[in-house]
Protein backbone atom coordinates (compact mmCIF):
# COMPACT_ATOMS: atom_id res chain seq x y z
CA MET A 1 3.14 8.09 22.32
CA ARG A 2 2.55 6.49 18.90
CA LEU A 3 -0.95 5.80 17.58
CA THR A 4 -1.63 2.05 17.85
CA SER A 5 -5.22 1.74 19.07
CA LEU A 6 -8.55 3.52 18.68
CA ASP A 7 -8.70 3.70 22.47
CA GLN A 8 -6.16 6.52 22.19
CA VAL A 9 -8.36 8.53 19.84
CA PRO A 10 -11.11 10.96 20.85
CA GLU A 11 -14.44 9.22 20.30
CA ALA A 12 -15.65 11.84 17.82
CA LEU A 13 -12.73 11.00 15.50
CA ARG A 14 -13.07 7.20 15.59
CA PRO A 15 -14.60 5.08 12.80
CA ARG A 16 -18.35 4.49 13.15
CA TYR A 17 -17.82 0.73 13.23
CA ASP A 18 -15.55 -1.79 14.93
CA PRO A 19 -12.66 -2.49 12.52
CA GLN A 20 -11.83 -5.74 14.30
CA ALA A 21 -15.27 -7.10 13.38
CA HIS A 22 -14.38 -7.03 9.68
CA GLY A 23 -11.86 -9.26 7.93
CA VAL A 24 -9.66 -8.47 4.95
CA GLY A 25 -11.25 -8.76 1.51
CA ILE A 26 -9.08 -6.34 -0.48
CA VAL A 27 -5.36 -6.34 -1.18
CA HIS A 28 -4.16 -2.97 -2.43
CA LEU A 29 -0.94 -2.59 -4.44
CA GLY A 30 0.66 0.84 -4.23
CA LEU A 31 0.17 2.01 -0.66
CA GLY A 32 0.56 5.78 -0.82
CA ALA A 33 -1.12 8.99 0.24
CA PHE A 34 -3.66 8.92 -2.58
CA HIS A 35 -4.86 5.42 -1.74
CA LYS A 36 -5.28 6.38 1.89
CA ALA A 37 -7.21 9.55 1.02
CA HIS A 38 -9.37 7.90 -1.62
CA GLN A 39 -10.02 4.14 -1.73
CA ALA A 40 -9.21 3.52 1.95
CA ALA A 41 -11.22 6.54 3.10
CA LEU A 42 -14.26 5.54 1.04
CA THR A 43 -13.98 1.91 2.12
CA ASP A 44 -13.97 3.20 5.69
CA LEU A 45 -17.26 5.01 5.03
CA ALA A 46 -18.67 1.95 3.28
CA LEU A 47 -17.84 -0.25 6.27
CA ALA A 48 -19.62 2.22 8.52
CA ALA A 49 -22.68 2.00 6.26
CA GLY A 50 -22.75 -1.76 5.75
CA SER A 51 -21.34 -5.12 6.70
CA GLY A 52 -18.82 -7.48 5.19
CA ASP A 53 -15.17 -8.45 5.34
CA TRP A 54 -13.82 -5.61 3.24
CA ARG A 55 -10.84 -4.27 5.14
CA ILE A 56 -7.63 -3.72 3.19
CA LEU A 57 -4.13 -5.16 3.30
CA GLY A 58 -1.91 -2.41 1.90
CA VAL A 59 1.17 -3.43 -0.09
CA SER A 60 4.04 -1.06 -0.81
CA LEU A 61 5.88 -2.27 -3.90
CA ARG A 62 9.17 -0.42 -3.56
CA SER A 63 9.94 1.52 -0.41
CA PRO A 64 9.15 0.21 3.08
CA LYS A 65 8.31 3.76 4.19
CA ALA A 66 4.53 3.35 3.92
CA SER A 67 4.50 0.01 5.71
CA ASP A 68 6.88 1.35 8.37
CA GLU A 69 4.38 4.14 8.99
CA LEU A 70 1.24 2.01 9.15
CA HIS A 71 2.26 -1.46 10.38
CA PRO A 72 3.23 -0.29 13.90
CA GLN A 73 -0.07 1.64 14.00
CA ASN A 74 -2.17 -1.42 13.09
CA GLY A 75 -3.15 0.32 9.87
CA LEU A 76 -4.69 3.33 11.61
CA PHE A 77 -4.08 6.83 10.28
CA THR A 78 -5.56 10.31 10.51
CA LEU A 79 -7.29 11.77 7.46
CA ILE A 80 -7.41 15.59 7.45
CA ALA A 81 -9.75 16.97 4.78
CA LYS A 82 -9.58 20.69 4.01
CA GLY A 83 -11.98 22.79 1.98
CA ALA A 84 -13.67 26.16 1.82
CA GLU A 85 -16.13 25.01 4.47
CA GLY A 86 -13.33 24.25 6.93
CA THR A 87 -11.29 21.28 8.13
CA GLU A 88 -12.61 17.85 9.05
CA ALA A 89 -10.54 15.04 10.50
CA ARG A 90 -11.10 11.42 11.38
CA VAL A 91 -9.08 8.27 12.01
CA VAL A 92 -9.53 5.68 9.27
CA GLY A 93 -9.76 2.01 10.26
CA ALA A 94 -10.17 0.39 6.85
CA ILE A 95 -6.54 -0.71 6.49
CA ALA A 96 -5.91 -3.84 8.53
CA ASP A 97 -2.15 -3.97 7.98
CA ALA A 98 0.62 -2.82 5.67
CA ILE A 99 3.54 -4.74 4.18
CA CYS A 100 6.32 -4.14 1.66
CA SER A 101 6.85 -6.62 -1.19
CA ALA A 102 10.24 -5.29 -2.34
CA GLY A 103 12.74 -8.14 -2.16
CA ASN A 104 10.19 -10.59 -0.78
CA PRO A 105 6.93 -10.87 -2.72
CA GLU A 106 5.72 -13.99 -0.90
CA PRO A 107 3.57 -12.31 1.79
CA ALA A 108 1.82 -10.19 -0.83
CA LEU A 109 1.30 -13.19 -3.13
CA ALA A 110 -0.06 -15.27 -0.26
CA ALA A 111 -2.52 -12.53 0.63
CA MET A 112 -3.69 -12.12 -2.97
CA ALA A 113 -4.12 -15.88 -3.31
CA ALA A 114 -6.00 -16.20 0.00
CA GLU A 115 -9.58 -17.44 -0.29
CA GLY A 116 -10.97 -14.35 1.45
CA THR A 117 -9.44 -11.89 -1.00
CA ARG A 118 -12.05 -10.80 -3.52
CA ILE A 119 -10.57 -7.59 -4.90
CA VAL A 120 -7.01 -6.52 -5.71
CA SER A 121 -6.91 -2.77 -6.27
CA LEU A 122 -4.00 -0.69 -7.54
CA THR A 123 -2.59 2.85 -7.43
CA VAL A 124 0.96 2.35 -8.70
CA THR A 125 1.18 5.27 -11.23
CA GLU A 126 1.21 4.87 -15.00
CA LYS A 127 4.91 4.12 -15.34
CA ALA A 128 4.89 1.09 -13.02
CA TYR A 129 2.62 -1.14 -15.09
CA GLY A 130 4.73 -1.76 -18.17
CA LEU A 131 1.89 -1.26 -20.62
CA ASP A 132 2.00 -1.26 -24.39
CA ARG A 133 -1.01 1.00 -24.90
CA ALA A 134 -1.01 0.79 -28.69
CA ALA A 135 -1.12 -3.02 -28.67
CA HIS A 136 -3.27 -3.27 -25.51
CA GLY A 137 -0.68 -5.62 -24.06
CA CYS A 138 2.43 -5.57 -21.91
CA ASP A 139 5.76 -3.99 -22.78
CA PRO A 140 8.35 -6.79 -22.59
CA ALA A 141 11.14 -4.19 -22.59
CA HIS A 142 9.88 -2.60 -19.36
CA PRO A 143 12.44 -3.54 -16.65
CA ALA A 144 9.93 -5.07 -14.23
CA VAL A 145 8.07 -6.92 -16.97
CA ALA A 146 11.30 -8.27 -18.46
CA ALA A 147 12.54 -9.49 -15.07
CA ASP A 148 9.23 -11.14 -14.17
CA LEU A 149 8.99 -12.92 -17.51
CA VAL A 150 12.30 -14.57 -16.60
CA SER A 151 11.28 -15.36 -12.99
CA PRO A 152 7.47 -15.45 -12.95
CA ALA A 153 7.25 -17.38 -9.67
CA ALA A 154 9.08 -14.63 -7.76
CA PRO A 155 7.72 -11.42 -9.30
CA GLN A 156 8.47 -7.86 -8.28
CA GLY A 157 6.44 -5.94 -10.87
CA VAL A 158 2.71 -5.29 -11.03
CA LEU A 159 1.86 -7.59 -13.93
CA GLY A 160 3.98 -10.39 -12.51
CA LEU A 161 2.37 -10.16 -9.08
CA LEU A 162 -1.16 -10.20 -10.48
CA THR A 163 -0.42 -13.10 -12.82
CA GLU A 164 1.32 -15.28 -10.24
CA ALA A 165 -1.42 -14.67 -7.66
CA LEU A 166 -4.09 -15.57 -10.22
CA ARG A 167 -2.14 -18.72 -11.15
CA ARG A 168 -2.13 -19.80 -7.52
CA ARG A 169 -5.86 -19.25 -7.24
CA ARG A 170 -6.52 -21.24 -10.40
CA ASP A 171 -4.36 -24.11 -9.21
CA ALA A 172 -6.12 -24.07 -5.82
CA GLY A 173 -9.54 -24.15 -7.44
CA LEU A 174 -10.46 -20.68 -6.15
CA ALA A 175 -12.46 -18.07 -8.02
CA PRO A 176 -10.33 -15.19 -9.33
CA PHE A 177 -10.30 -11.85 -7.57
CA THR A 178 -11.50 -8.70 -9.33
CA VAL A 179 -8.66 -6.44 -10.48
CA LEU A 180 -9.50 -2.78 -9.82
CA CYS A 181 -7.12 -0.27 -11.40
CA CYS A 182 -7.41 3.17 -9.78
CA ASP A 183 -4.68 4.99 -11.71
CA ASN A 184 -5.16 7.89 -14.10
CA LEU A 185 -5.30 5.94 -17.34
CA PRO A 186 -8.04 6.08 -19.98
CA GLU A 187 -10.03 2.83 -19.94
CA ASN A 188 -7.71 1.64 -17.20
CA GLY A 189 -9.50 -1.66 -16.74
CA VAL A 190 -9.30 -2.48 -20.44
CA LEU A 191 -5.61 -1.58 -20.60
CA LEU A 192 -4.69 -3.58 -17.50
CA ARG A 193 -6.69 -6.60 -18.64
CA GLY A 194 -4.86 -6.60 -21.97
CA ALA A 195 -1.49 -6.31 -20.26
CA VAL A 196 -2.13 -9.13 -17.76
CA VAL A 197 -3.56 -11.46 -20.42
CA ASP A 198 -0.57 -10.74 -22.68
CA PHE A 199 1.93 -11.22 -19.84
CA ALA A 200 0.34 -14.54 -18.87
CA ARG A 201 0.30 -15.70 -22.50
CA ARG A 202 4.08 -15.32 -22.65
CA ILE A 203 4.61 -17.72 -19.74
CA ASP A 204 1.48 -19.92 -19.62
CA PRO A 205 -1.05 -19.76 -22.50
CA ALA A 206 -3.61 -21.83 -20.59
CA LEU A 207 -3.44 -19.42 -17.66
CA SER A 208 -3.86 -16.52 -20.07
CA GLU A 209 -7.06 -18.09 -21.40
CA TRP A 210 -8.34 -18.65 -17.85
CA ILE A 211 -7.71 -15.00 -16.98
CA ALA A 212 -9.30 -13.72 -20.19
CA ALA A 213 -12.40 -15.83 -19.61
CA GLY A 214 -12.98 -15.26 -15.92
CA VAL A 215 -11.21 -12.25 -14.38
CA ALA A 216 -13.09 -8.95 -14.12
CA PHE A 217 -11.16 -5.72 -14.73
CA PRO A 218 -13.68 -2.90 -14.14
CA SER A 219 -12.62 0.57 -15.22
CA THR A 220 -12.62 3.46 -12.77
CA MET A 221 -12.16 7.21 -12.57
CA VAL A 222 -10.66 8.57 -9.36
CA ASP A 223 -10.29 12.13 -8.17
CA ARG A 224 -9.05 13.69 -4.96
CA ILE A 225 -6.16 16.13 -4.80
CA THR A 226 -3.76 14.73 -2.21
CA PRO A 227 -0.33 16.28 -1.65
CA ALA A 228 2.46 14.46 0.11
CA ALA A 229 2.32 14.70 3.89
CA THR A 230 4.64 17.24 5.53
CA PRO A 231 5.90 17.71 9.09
CA ALA A 232 3.07 20.24 9.46
CA THR A 233 0.58 17.51 8.52
CA LEU A 234 1.93 15.21 11.22
CA ALA A 235 1.95 18.00 13.79
CA GLU A 236 -1.67 18.88 13.01
CA ALA A 237 -2.70 15.23 13.31
CA GLN A 238 -0.96 14.91 16.68
CA ALA A 239 -2.77 17.99 17.94
CA LEU A 240 -6.09 16.53 16.79
CA ILE A 241 -5.81 12.98 18.12
CA GLY A 242 -3.42 13.47 21.02
CA CYS A 243 -0.68 11.07 19.91
CA GLU A 244 1.97 10.71 17.22
CA ASP A 245 0.68 9.52 13.83
CA LEU A 246 3.38 8.96 11.21
CA GLY A 247 0.79 7.86 8.64
CA ALA A 248 -1.35 11.00 8.75
CA ILE A 249 -2.32 12.65 5.47
CA GLU A 250 -4.12 15.78 4.36
CA THR A 251 -6.36 16.10 1.34
CA GLU A 252 -9.15 18.23 -0.08
CA SER A 253 -12.76 17.77 0.98
CA PHE A 254 -13.86 16.93 -2.57
CA PHE A 255 -13.64 13.39 -3.89
CA GLN A 256 -15.04 11.51 -6.86
CA TRP A 257 -14.99 7.82 -7.70
CA VAL A 258 -16.75 6.52 -10.80
CA ILE A 259 -16.71 2.73 -11.13
CA GLU A 260 -17.88 0.19 -13.68
CA ASP A 261 -20.05 -2.18 -11.65
CA ASN A 262 -18.43 -5.51 -12.51
CA PHE A 263 -17.54 -7.38 -9.31
CA PRO A 264 -18.34 -11.11 -9.60
CA GLN A 265 -17.09 -11.78 -6.05
CA GLY A 266 -18.90 -8.82 -4.50
CA ARG A 267 -17.72 -5.41 -3.34
CA PRO A 268 -18.05 -2.99 -0.43
CA ALA A 269 -21.01 -0.61 -0.34
CA TRP A 270 -18.96 2.13 -1.96
CA ASP A 271 -22.13 3.64 -3.40
CA LYS A 272 -23.19 4.44 0.18
CA ALA A 273 -19.89 6.28 0.59
CA GLY A 274 -20.48 8.50 -2.45
CA ALA A 275 -19.07 6.46 -5.33
CA ILE A 276 -20.91 6.50 -8.65
CA PHE A 277 -21.53 3.19 -10.43
CA THR A 278 -22.07 3.43 -14.17
CA ASP A 279 -21.72 1.56 -17.45
CA ASN A 280 -19.97 4.56 -19.02
CA VAL A 281 -16.82 5.21 -17.04
CA THR A 282 -14.94 6.20 -20.21
CA ALA A 283 -16.75 9.52 -20.57
CA PHE A 284 -15.99 10.46 -16.95
CA GLU A 285 -12.36 9.36 -17.37
CA MET A 286 -11.94 11.52 -20.45
CA MET A 287 -13.49 14.53 -18.71
CA LYS A 288 -11.20 14.19 -15.73
CA LEU A 289 -8.03 13.44 -17.71
CA ARG A 290 -8.48 16.32 -20.12
CA MET A 291 -9.91 18.93 -17.77
CA LEU A 292 -8.42 18.29 -14.34
CA ASN A 293 -5.24 16.39 -15.19
CA GLY A 294 -4.56 18.29 -18.42
CA SER A 295 -4.87 21.70 -16.80
CA HIS A 296 -2.86 20.37 -13.83
CA SER A 297 0.02 19.44 -16.14
CA MET A 298 -0.09 22.78 -17.92
CA LEU A 299 -0.13 24.82 -14.73
CA ALA A 300 2.62 22.64 -13.23
CA TYR A 301 5.10 23.21 -16.06
CA VAL A 302 4.25 26.87 -16.42
CA GLY A 303 3.88 27.55 -12.71
CA PHE A 304 7.09 25.82 -11.65
CA HIS A 305 9.11 27.96 -14.05
CA ALA A 306 7.22 31.08 -13.03
CA GLY A 307 8.31 30.65 -9.42
CA CYS A 308 5.05 29.16 -8.12
CA PRO A 309 5.87 26.21 -5.84
CA TYR A 310 2.22 25.28 -5.24
CA VAL A 311 -0.95 25.06 -7.31
CA ARG A 312 -2.59 27.63 -5.05
CA ASP A 313 0.21 30.08 -5.95
CA VAL A 314 -0.53 29.58 -9.64
CA MET A 315 -4.18 30.43 -9.10
CA ALA A 316 -3.26 33.50 -7.04
CA ALA A 317 -1.42 34.95 -10.06
CA LYS A 318 -4.14 36.46 -12.28
CA PRO A 319 -2.48 35.94 -15.69
CA LEU A 320 -1.73 32.31 -14.83
CA ALA A 321 -5.22 31.71 -13.47
CA LYS A 322 -6.61 33.09 -16.73
CA LEU A 323 -4.57 30.56 -18.71
CA VAL A 324 -5.76 27.73 -16.47
CA ARG A 325 -9.37 28.70 -17.14
CA ARG A 326 -8.63 28.92 -20.87
CA HIS A 327 -7.30 25.38 -20.77
CA LEU A 328 -10.34 24.13 -18.88
CA VAL A 329 -12.72 25.69 -21.41
CA THR A 330 -10.78 24.35 -24.40
CA ALA A 331 -10.55 20.85 -22.93
CA ALA A 332 -14.27 20.84 -22.10
CA ALA A 333 -15.11 21.65 -25.72
CA THR A 334 -13.39 18.44 -26.90
CA LEU A 335 -15.63 16.16 -24.80
CA PRO A 336 -18.74 14.24 -25.78
CA GLU A 337 -21.90 15.12 -23.90
CA ILE A 338 -22.22 13.34 -20.56
CA PRO A 339 -25.82 13.06 -19.31
CA GLY A 340 -26.21 14.93 -16.04
CA ILE A 341 -22.81 16.65 -16.24
CA ASP A 342 -22.42 20.39 -16.80
CA THR A 343 -18.81 20.90 -17.94
CA VAL A 344 -19.00 24.66 -17.28
CA ALA A 345 -19.91 23.98 -13.66
CA TYR A 346 -17.24 21.28 -13.49
CA ALA A 347 -14.61 23.74 -14.78
CA ASP A 348 -15.66 26.30 -12.18
CA ALA A 349 -15.45 23.67 -9.45
CA LEU A 350 -11.96 22.64 -10.59
CA ALA A 351 -10.74 26.23 -10.50
CA ARG A 352 -12.06 26.62 -6.96
CA ARG A 353 -10.33 23.39 -5.93
CA PHE A 354 -7.04 24.58 -7.41
CA GLU A 355 -7.42 27.83 -5.45
CA ASN A 356 -7.83 26.01 -2.11
CA PRO A 357 -5.33 27.80 0.17
CA GLU A 358 -5.23 24.87 2.58
CA ILE A 359 -3.79 22.38 0.07
CA ALA A 360 -0.03 22.59 -0.60
CA HIS A 361 0.17 20.63 -3.86
CA GLU A 362 3.63 21.06 -5.39
CA THR A 363 3.89 22.02 -9.05
CA PHE A 364 7.21 20.15 -9.28
CA GLN A 365 5.51 16.96 -8.08
CA ILE A 366 2.74 17.27 -10.69
CA ALA A 367 5.36 17.94 -13.39
CA MET A 368 6.95 14.51 -12.89
CA ASP A 369 6.55 11.69 -15.43
CA GLY A 370 5.35 13.96 -18.22
CA SER A 371 6.06 11.50 -21.02
CA GLU A 372 3.55 9.13 -19.38
CA LYS A 373 0.96 11.83 -18.73
CA MET A 374 1.01 14.08 -21.80
CA PRO A 375 -0.44 11.52 -24.27
CA GLN A 376 -3.76 11.10 -22.46
CA ARG A 377 -3.96 14.53 -20.83
CA ILE A 378 -3.04 16.75 -23.78
CA PHE A 379 -2.26 14.91 -27.00
CA SER A 380 -5.46 12.83 -27.09
CA ALA A 381 -7.59 15.97 -27.00
CA VAL A 382 -6.02 17.52 -30.10
CA ALA A 383 -7.67 15.20 -32.63
CA ASP A 384 -11.10 15.95 -31.17
CA ALA A 385 -10.31 19.65 -31.08
CA ARG A 386 -9.29 19.60 -34.75
CA ALA A 387 -12.44 17.66 -35.69
CA ARG A 388 -14.57 20.35 -34.01
CA GLY A 389 -12.61 23.19 -35.59
CA LEU A 390 -11.40 24.43 -32.20
CA ASP A 391 -8.41 26.64 -31.52
CA CYS A 392 -5.65 24.45 -30.04
CA ARG A 393 -3.63 27.30 -28.54
CA ALA A 394 -4.20 26.03 -24.99
CA PHE A 395 -2.76 22.63 -25.95
CA THR A 396 0.22 24.00 -27.90
CA PHE A 397 1.00 26.25 -24.94
CA ALA A 398 0.93 23.26 -22.57
CA THR A 399 3.10 21.22 -24.94
CA ALA A 400 5.65 24.02 -25.25
CA ALA A 401 5.78 24.40 -21.46
CA TRP A 402 6.42 20.66 -21.09
CA ALA A 403 9.21 20.84 -23.70
CA ARG A 404 10.70 23.82 -21.88
CA HIS A 405 10.66 21.81 -18.65
CA ILE A 406 12.47 18.82 -20.09
CA SER A 407 15.06 21.11 -21.74
CA GLY A 408 16.55 21.75 -18.30
CA ALA A 409 17.08 25.43 -19.13
CA THR A 410 17.84 27.50 -16.02
CA HIS A 411 17.73 31.05 -17.36
CA ASP A 412 14.73 31.83 -15.15
CA CYS A 413 14.99 29.27 -12.35
CA ALA A 414 17.40 27.33 -10.17
CA PRO A 415 18.77 24.01 -11.48
CA TYR A 416 16.29 21.15 -11.09
CA GLU A 417 16.16 17.41 -11.67
CA LEU A 418 14.01 16.04 -14.48
CA ARG A 419 12.01 13.13 -13.09
CA ASP A 420 10.56 10.94 -15.79
CA PRO A 421 10.83 7.24 -16.69
CA ARG A 422 12.31 8.39 -20.02
CA THR A 423 14.73 10.95 -18.58
CA ALA A 424 17.74 9.82 -20.62
CA GLU A 425 15.75 9.70 -23.85
CA LEU A 426 14.10 13.06 -23.25
CA THR A 427 17.34 14.77 -22.28
CA ALA A 428 18.93 13.56 -25.50
CA MET A 429 15.98 14.95 -27.44
CA ALA A 430 15.50 18.24 -25.68
CA GLY A 431 18.66 19.05 -23.78
CA GLY A 432 19.54 22.07 -25.92
CA ARG A 433 18.36 25.59 -26.63
CA ASP A 434 17.21 25.28 -30.24
CA ALA A 435 13.41 25.17 -30.30
CA GLU A 436 13.19 23.73 -33.81
CA GLU A 437 15.57 20.88 -33.02
CA ILE A 438 13.80 20.07 -29.75
CA VAL A 439 10.36 20.02 -31.34
CA ALA A 440 11.56 17.96 -34.31
CA ALA A 441 12.86 15.31 -31.90
CA LEU A 442 9.87 15.32 -29.56
CA ARG A 443 7.19 15.08 -32.22
CA ASP A 444 8.73 11.84 -33.50
CA ALA A 445 8.74 10.19 -30.06
CA ALA A 446 6.88 6.89 -29.89
CA PHE A 447 4.47 8.20 -27.24
CA VAL A 448 3.18 10.96 -29.56
CA PRO A 449 0.14 9.80 -31.59
CA ALA A 450 0.87 9.38 -35.30
CA GLU A 451 -1.94 11.75 -36.27
CA LEU A 452 -0.49 14.48 -34.08
CA ARG A 453 3.04 13.94 -35.40
CA ALA A 454 1.75 14.85 -38.86
CA ASP A 455 0.05 18.06 -37.69
CA GLU A 456 2.51 20.68 -39.00
CA ALA A 457 0.47 23.65 -37.80
CA TYR A 458 0.39 22.30 -34.25
CA TRP A 459 4.14 21.83 -34.03
CA ASP A 460 4.88 25.15 -35.72
CA GLU A 461 2.92 26.87 -32.96
CA VAL A 462 4.69 24.81 -30.29
CA THR A 463 8.05 25.81 -31.79
CA GLY A 464 7.22 29.50 -31.68
CA LEU A 465 6.11 29.34 -28.06
CA LEU A 466 9.06 27.21 -27.01
CA ALA A 467 11.50 29.66 -28.60
CA GLU A 468 10.11 32.32 -26.27
CA MET A 469 10.17 30.08 -23.19
CA LEU A 470 13.78 28.99 -23.72
CA PHE A 471 15.16 32.52 -23.54
CA GLU A 472 12.63 34.75 -21.79
CA PRO A 473 11.43 34.60 -18.19
CA MET A 474 8.34 32.41 -18.02
CA ARG A 475 6.40 35.18 -16.29
CA ASP A 476 6.92 37.42 -19.33
CA VAL A 477 5.66 34.69 -21.66
CA ILE A 478 2.66 34.15 -19.39
CA ALA A 479 1.79 37.84 -19.26
CA ARG A 480 1.92 38.14 -23.04
CA GLU A 481 -0.11 34.97 -23.56
CA ALA A 482 -2.77 36.00 -21.05
CA ALA A 483 -3.09 39.43 -22.66
CA ALA A 484 -3.54 38.03 -26.18
């Protein structure tokens, strides 16, 4: 029997509120495992701690898989949280329904333009936005952006959907919703605001001015390691709740959500669910991007080619674990001081989270979309490291491992598919076995900061490491690096 009602669920696992007593106030774009484990789970706790119409309509932008899982279940799903202290599970009732906008954006647009919608939140991954980070605008060459500029009334991309929904609200005399970006981007609210304002300017300058003057784009930092659900996840959920749940997910016990408190139309009581509201999200973002995400990228590229399918396997290999800790320490040293935050303790906590034997987080999954991730996770830290006179070996090692990954070399692993929005470009740059040629091409890529491109010493070190990785087993390179 499929999960469709809370009546089927053991009382101890049900939400501590009546979901039907709360209307929808949030439309979420990018309905995936992370949203369910993070924003939906915390909204569920907030609803249990307070009142208000803050349930969520989840929108899948591409595949109908997520909506096919949740719509028949009336938005209900099992959240299984695993940590050193054990496993906790509960059924989340914060999602009211789930739809897919691919091919038919009208239901999503209507929901975003509805009077009751006060927040539109997003977890769509960096590559989906179509951002021009350098110009703080949109990238008109991005496929979704280009298509939506031609047909703005029937958008498929993120910027087009937001802009058209805001246009409808303006024309109906409604206040704008707050746009809440929850993706791993530095100053994500600032970047998304610039992109939406720029997109709107290209089709309707007056609308662009209205958005710039009245729409809030608070920045956020989000953190909760959430692997893709597996058949084992679904089987565990069924054993816990007594019925089939195709939307079940597993995650770690830890979570963090730091939010700039700028919600003109109100918000759920997320602070009662454990979220931190601050005026300085940027410092937290930088800490997370450089320490957690940066070390994650490094261990993913190195670990995948060392035969470690999961993050926990990386941490079980002592030489690799040593390099992860080196990266954490180096990244921490590039950060400004954050009042109340001990980066040494944070690094120790991250290492323990990576070691969690209950979380099967694939290194290959983390290694995807490197050209979108490396700039803010690794490259941005180098300038601060240089300014402080720090050794950049941890960063050159991570950069070399990324270059080795995009080379496609299979001398120490089975053939694999490079998954990146710039796959064709990267393959042309790095699809050989000459370290000097690969590095010369990569350092001139548009996504590499100009200051870093000019850093000869950095790229010389990357070249030397890459030359080893292209011909030696990665485990040998790791052992030598860890022993140095």
